[in-house]
Amino acid sequence: MTAVADYLRIVRDRFPEIVVDSVATYSGQFNDVLILNDALVFRFPRTDAAAAALRSEILTLQHLRGRLPIPIPAPKFTGIEDIGR
């Protein structure tokens, strides 16, 4: 896993409005995950295939939002233009 400090630097550079009070880290099969302030989840894909799947997931969620009678997650902080390596 890339150092947590590297991921935090990416988040802080990209989203300076986020104040980080707490950090939890998880290493999944396809993504490294940071949970900031017990509320914000950031996924960092480990492979090109995982990056493509994450990009597809974000686009699908954006497409479905407001079209179904159930709540759909709305990714707020994304770097989708950077996903896909």
Protein backbone atom coordinates (compact mmCIF):
# COMPACT_ATOMS: atom_id res chain seq x y z
CA MET A 1 0.00 0.00 0.00
CA THR A 2 1.23 3.46 -0.83
CA ALA A 3 1.97 5.40 2.32
CA VAL A 4 -1.06 6.96 3.96
CA ALA A 5 0.81 10.27 3.84
CA ASP A 6 0.87 10.05 0.02
CA TYR A 7 -2.89 9.51 -0.15
CA LEU A 8 -3.50 12.34 2.31
CA ARG A 9 -1.33 14.62 0.21
CA ILE A 10 -3.40 13.77 -2.86
CA VAL A 11 -6.64 14.52 -1.01
CA ARG A 12 -5.31 17.77 0.46
CA ASP A 13 -3.92 18.95 -2.88
CA ARG A 14 -7.12 18.12 -4.73
CA PHE A 15 -9.64 19.15 -2.06
CA PRO A 16 -8.07 21.79 0.22
CA GLU A 17 -11.47 22.54 1.77
CA ILE A 18 -11.45 19.21 3.61
CA VAL A 19 -10.15 19.50 7.16
CA VAL A 20 -8.82 16.12 8.27
CA ASP A 21 -9.38 15.31 11.92
CA SER A 22 -9.17 11.52 11.76
CA VAL A 23 -7.98 8.88 9.29
CA ALA A 24 -8.76 5.19 9.06
CA THR A 25 -7.14 3.03 6.38
CA TYR A 26 -8.14 -0.24 4.79
CA SER A 27 -6.50 -2.34 2.15
CA GLY A 28 -9.03 -4.12 -0.05
CA GLN A 29 -8.56 -6.52 -2.90
CA PHE A 30 -8.84 -3.84 -5.59
CA ASN A 31 -8.57 -0.50 -3.76
CA ASP A 32 -6.77 1.14 -0.89
CA VAL A 33 -9.31 3.08 1.17
CA LEU A 34 -9.08 6.13 3.40
CA ILE A 35 -11.98 7.10 5.64
CA LEU A 36 -11.59 10.68 6.77
CA ASN A 37 -13.38 12.12 9.78
CA ASP A 38 -15.51 8.96 10.05
CA ALA A 39 -17.54 10.28 7.12
CA LEU A 40 -15.68 10.63 3.82
CA VAL A 41 -14.55 7.54 1.92
CA PHE A 42 -11.75 7.83 -0.63
CA ARG A 43 -10.87 4.82 -2.78
CA PHE A 44 -7.55 4.57 -4.56
CA PRO A 45 -7.55 1.80 -7.21
CA ARG A 46 -4.55 -0.49 -7.23
CA THR A 47 -4.67 -1.59 -10.87
CA ASP A 48 -5.79 -0.26 -14.23
CA ALA A 49 -8.73 -2.68 -14.16
CA ALA A 50 -9.78 -1.45 -10.71
CA ALA A 51 -9.49 2.15 -11.94
CA ALA A 52 -11.73 1.38 -14.93
CA ALA A 53 -14.28 -0.32 -12.64
CA LEU A 54 -14.28 2.64 -10.25
CA ARG A 55 -14.73 5.09 -13.11
CA SER A 56 -17.65 3.02 -14.41
CA GLU A 57 -19.19 2.87 -10.93
CA ILE A 58 -19.01 6.65 -10.52
CA LEU A 59 -20.57 7.25 -13.96
CA THR A 60 -23.32 4.72 -13.24
CA LEU A 61 -24.16 6.34 -9.90
CA GLN A 62 -24.30 9.77 -11.55
CA HIS A 63 -26.60 8.41 -14.27
CA LEU A 64 -28.97 6.69 -11.83
CA ARG A 65 -29.24 9.56 -9.37
CA GLY A 66 -32.75 11.01 -9.48
CA ARG A 67 -34.02 8.29 -11.82
CA LEU A 68 -34.88 5.68 -9.21
CA PRO A 69 -37.22 5.86 -6.23
CA ILE A 70 -34.41 4.92 -3.84
CA PRO A 71 -31.47 6.96 -2.55
CA ILE A 72 -28.40 6.70 -4.77
CA PRO A 73 -24.97 7.65 -3.40
CA ALA A 74 -23.65 10.88 -4.87
CA PRO A 75 -19.85 10.86 -5.05
CA LYS A 76 -18.90 14.37 -4.01
CA PHE A 77 -15.12 14.37 -4.11
CA THR A 78 -13.88 12.53 -7.17
CA GLY A 79 -10.87 12.57 -9.39
CA ILE A 80 -12.72 10.75 -12.13
CA GLU A 81 -10.77 12.55 -14.84
CA ASP A 82 -7.61 11.03 -13.35
CA ILE A 83 -9.01 7.50 -13.14
CA GLY A 84 -8.04 5.11 -15.90
CA ARG A 85 -4.32 5.71 -15.86
